[in-house]
Amino acid sequence: MGRYILEVAEVSFGKIVIDGRTFTEDIVISKGKIEFRKKSVSRMMKHEYGHTPLTVHENIPWDCGTLIVGTGMYGSLPVTDDVFKKAEQLGVKLVLKKTKDAAKSLNDPDTNFVLHITC
């Protein structure tokens, strides 16, 4: 398995710049590959949480030893219980951090990410 080196130039409210690419929406990083978080499948739960939560129905990159969820600049992203249960079932260590702190770990081996870009 190859190593992927990602360069983070900026992490601010509503924006993250990785390898010269600016992202203004939530992203998922799996083995160095960046794609947008498909949170539309979780929007139906927004009324319960006051925010669209991270649920197992999304494109979570489980193919890792550690999954770091960047919960936003203020740590506001809710993570549903089913995500914790799925991580345990798969033997994946689930770590929640504010997005700015999560971005510091982008080059950790065997680690994938879900990064909430705003609150």
Protein backbone atom coordinates (compact mmCIF):
# COMPACT_ATOMS: atom_id res chain seq x y z
CA MET A 1 0.00 0.00 0.00
CA GLY A 2 1.50 3.34 -1.06
CA ARG A 3 1.77 6.45 1.07
CA TYR A 4 -0.08 9.56 0.06
CA ILE A 5 1.28 12.93 1.09
CA LEU A 6 -1.32 15.69 1.21
CA GLU A 7 -0.31 19.30 1.74
CA VAL A 8 -2.78 21.38 3.72
CA ALA A 9 -2.32 25.10 3.05
CA GLU A 10 -5.36 26.48 4.87
CA VAL A 11 -8.17 25.42 7.16
CA SER A 12 -10.75 28.09 7.94
CA PHE A 13 -14.50 28.34 8.41
CA GLY A 14 -16.10 27.17 5.16
CA LYS A 15 -12.83 26.39 3.39
CA ILE A 16 -9.96 23.93 3.31
CA VAL A 17 -7.12 24.02 0.78
CA ILE A 18 -5.37 20.70 0.09
CA ASP A 19 -2.74 20.24 -2.61
CA GLY A 20 -3.70 23.58 -4.14
CA ARG A 21 -7.39 22.62 -4.42
CA THR A 22 -9.94 24.68 -2.52
CA PHE A 23 -12.91 22.85 -1.01
CA THR A 24 -15.93 24.72 0.35
CA GLU A 25 -18.04 21.64 1.03
CA ASP A 26 -17.50 18.67 3.34
CA ILE A 27 -15.02 16.13 2.02
CA VAL A 28 -14.06 12.50 2.47
CA ILE A 29 -10.45 11.35 2.10
CA SER A 30 -9.63 7.70 1.47
CA LYS A 31 -6.03 6.68 0.85
CA GLY A 32 -5.18 10.16 -0.37
CA LYS A 33 -8.18 10.42 -2.73
CA ILE A 34 -10.51 13.33 -2.02
CA GLU A 35 -14.22 13.37 -2.84
CA PHE A 36 -17.23 15.27 -1.58
CA ARG A 37 -19.21 13.96 1.38
CA LYS A 38 -22.56 12.62 0.19
CA LYS A 39 -24.59 13.95 3.09
CA SER A 40 -27.90 14.22 1.23
CA VAL A 41 -28.81 10.72 2.47
CA SER A 42 -28.55 12.00 6.06
CA ARG A 43 -30.49 15.27 5.62
CA MET A 44 -33.74 13.64 6.72
CA MET A 45 -32.25 13.49 10.25
CA LYS A 46 -31.38 17.20 10.38
CA HIS A 47 -34.54 18.04 12.35
CA GLU A 48 -33.49 15.60 15.11
CA TYR A 49 -29.98 17.03 15.48
CA GLY A 50 -30.34 20.65 14.35
CA HIS A 51 -27.61 19.87 11.83
CA THR A 52 -27.17 17.18 9.16
CA PRO A 53 -25.44 14.38 11.10
CA LEU A 54 -22.88 11.90 9.85
CA THR A 55 -24.67 8.55 9.40
CA VAL A 56 -23.66 5.11 8.11
CA HIS A 57 -25.66 5.76 4.94
CA GLU A 58 -22.97 8.13 3.66
CA ASN A 59 -19.75 7.49 1.75
CA ILE A 60 -17.66 6.85 4.85
CA PRO A 61 -14.21 5.43 3.96
CA TRP A 62 -14.11 2.40 6.26
CA ASP A 63 -11.08 0.79 4.55
CA CYS A 64 -8.59 1.90 7.21
CA GLY A 65 -7.36 1.24 10.73
CA THR A 66 -8.35 4.71 11.95
CA LEU A 67 -11.14 6.99 10.77
CA ILE A 68 -10.86 10.61 11.85
CA VAL A 69 -14.01 12.70 11.66
CA GLY A 70 -13.36 16.43 11.56
CA THR A 71 -16.44 17.75 13.32
CA GLY A 72 -16.14 21.33 12.05
CA MET A 73 -14.43 24.47 13.27
CA TYR A 74 -16.48 24.47 16.48
CA GLY A 75 -17.02 20.71 16.76
CA SER A 76 -20.71 20.92 15.82
CA LEU A 77 -21.08 17.94 13.44
CA PRO A 78 -23.26 15.29 15.11
CA VAL A 79 -22.19 11.67 14.59
CA THR A 80 -24.97 9.11 15.00
CA ASP A 81 -24.69 6.03 17.19
CA ASP A 82 -24.81 3.77 14.14
CA VAL A 83 -21.45 5.19 12.98
CA PHE A 84 -19.85 4.28 16.31
CA LYS A 85 -21.37 0.78 16.15
CA LYS A 86 -20.20 0.22 12.56
CA ALA A 87 -16.66 1.31 13.45
CA GLU A 88 -16.62 -1.14 16.35
CA GLN A 89 -17.98 -3.97 14.15
CA LEU A 90 -15.28 -3.32 11.55
CA GLY A 91 -12.49 -2.88 14.08
CA VAL A 92 -11.87 0.71 12.94
CA LYS A 93 -10.70 3.20 15.54
CA LEU A 94 -13.05 6.19 15.33
CA VAL A 95 -11.62 9.55 16.40
CA LEU A 96 -13.56 12.82 16.55
CA LYS A 97 -11.61 16.09 16.37
CA LYS A 98 -12.32 19.64 15.34
CA THR A 99 -11.52 19.91 11.64
CA LYS A 100 -8.47 22.15 12.11
CA ASP A 101 -6.94 19.51 14.42
CA ALA A 102 -8.02 16.62 12.17
CA ALA A 103 -6.26 18.23 9.20
CA LYS A 104 -2.94 17.97 11.06
CA SER A 105 -3.23 14.18 10.78
CA LEU A 106 -3.94 13.94 7.04
CA ASN A 107 -0.73 12.05 6.36
CA ASP A 108 -1.06 9.51 9.15
CA PRO A 109 -0.70 5.98 7.76
CA ASP A 110 -3.78 3.76 7.51
CA THR A 111 -6.04 6.71 8.35
CA ASN A 112 -9.03 8.02 6.40
CA PHE A 113 -11.11 11.13 6.99
CA VAL A 114 -14.51 12.76 6.89
CA LEU A 115 -14.06 16.53 7.23
CA HIS A 116 -16.89 18.94 8.01
CA ILE A 117 -15.83 22.33 6.65
CA THR A 118 -18.11 24.75 8.49
CA CYS A 119 -19.37 24.85 12.07
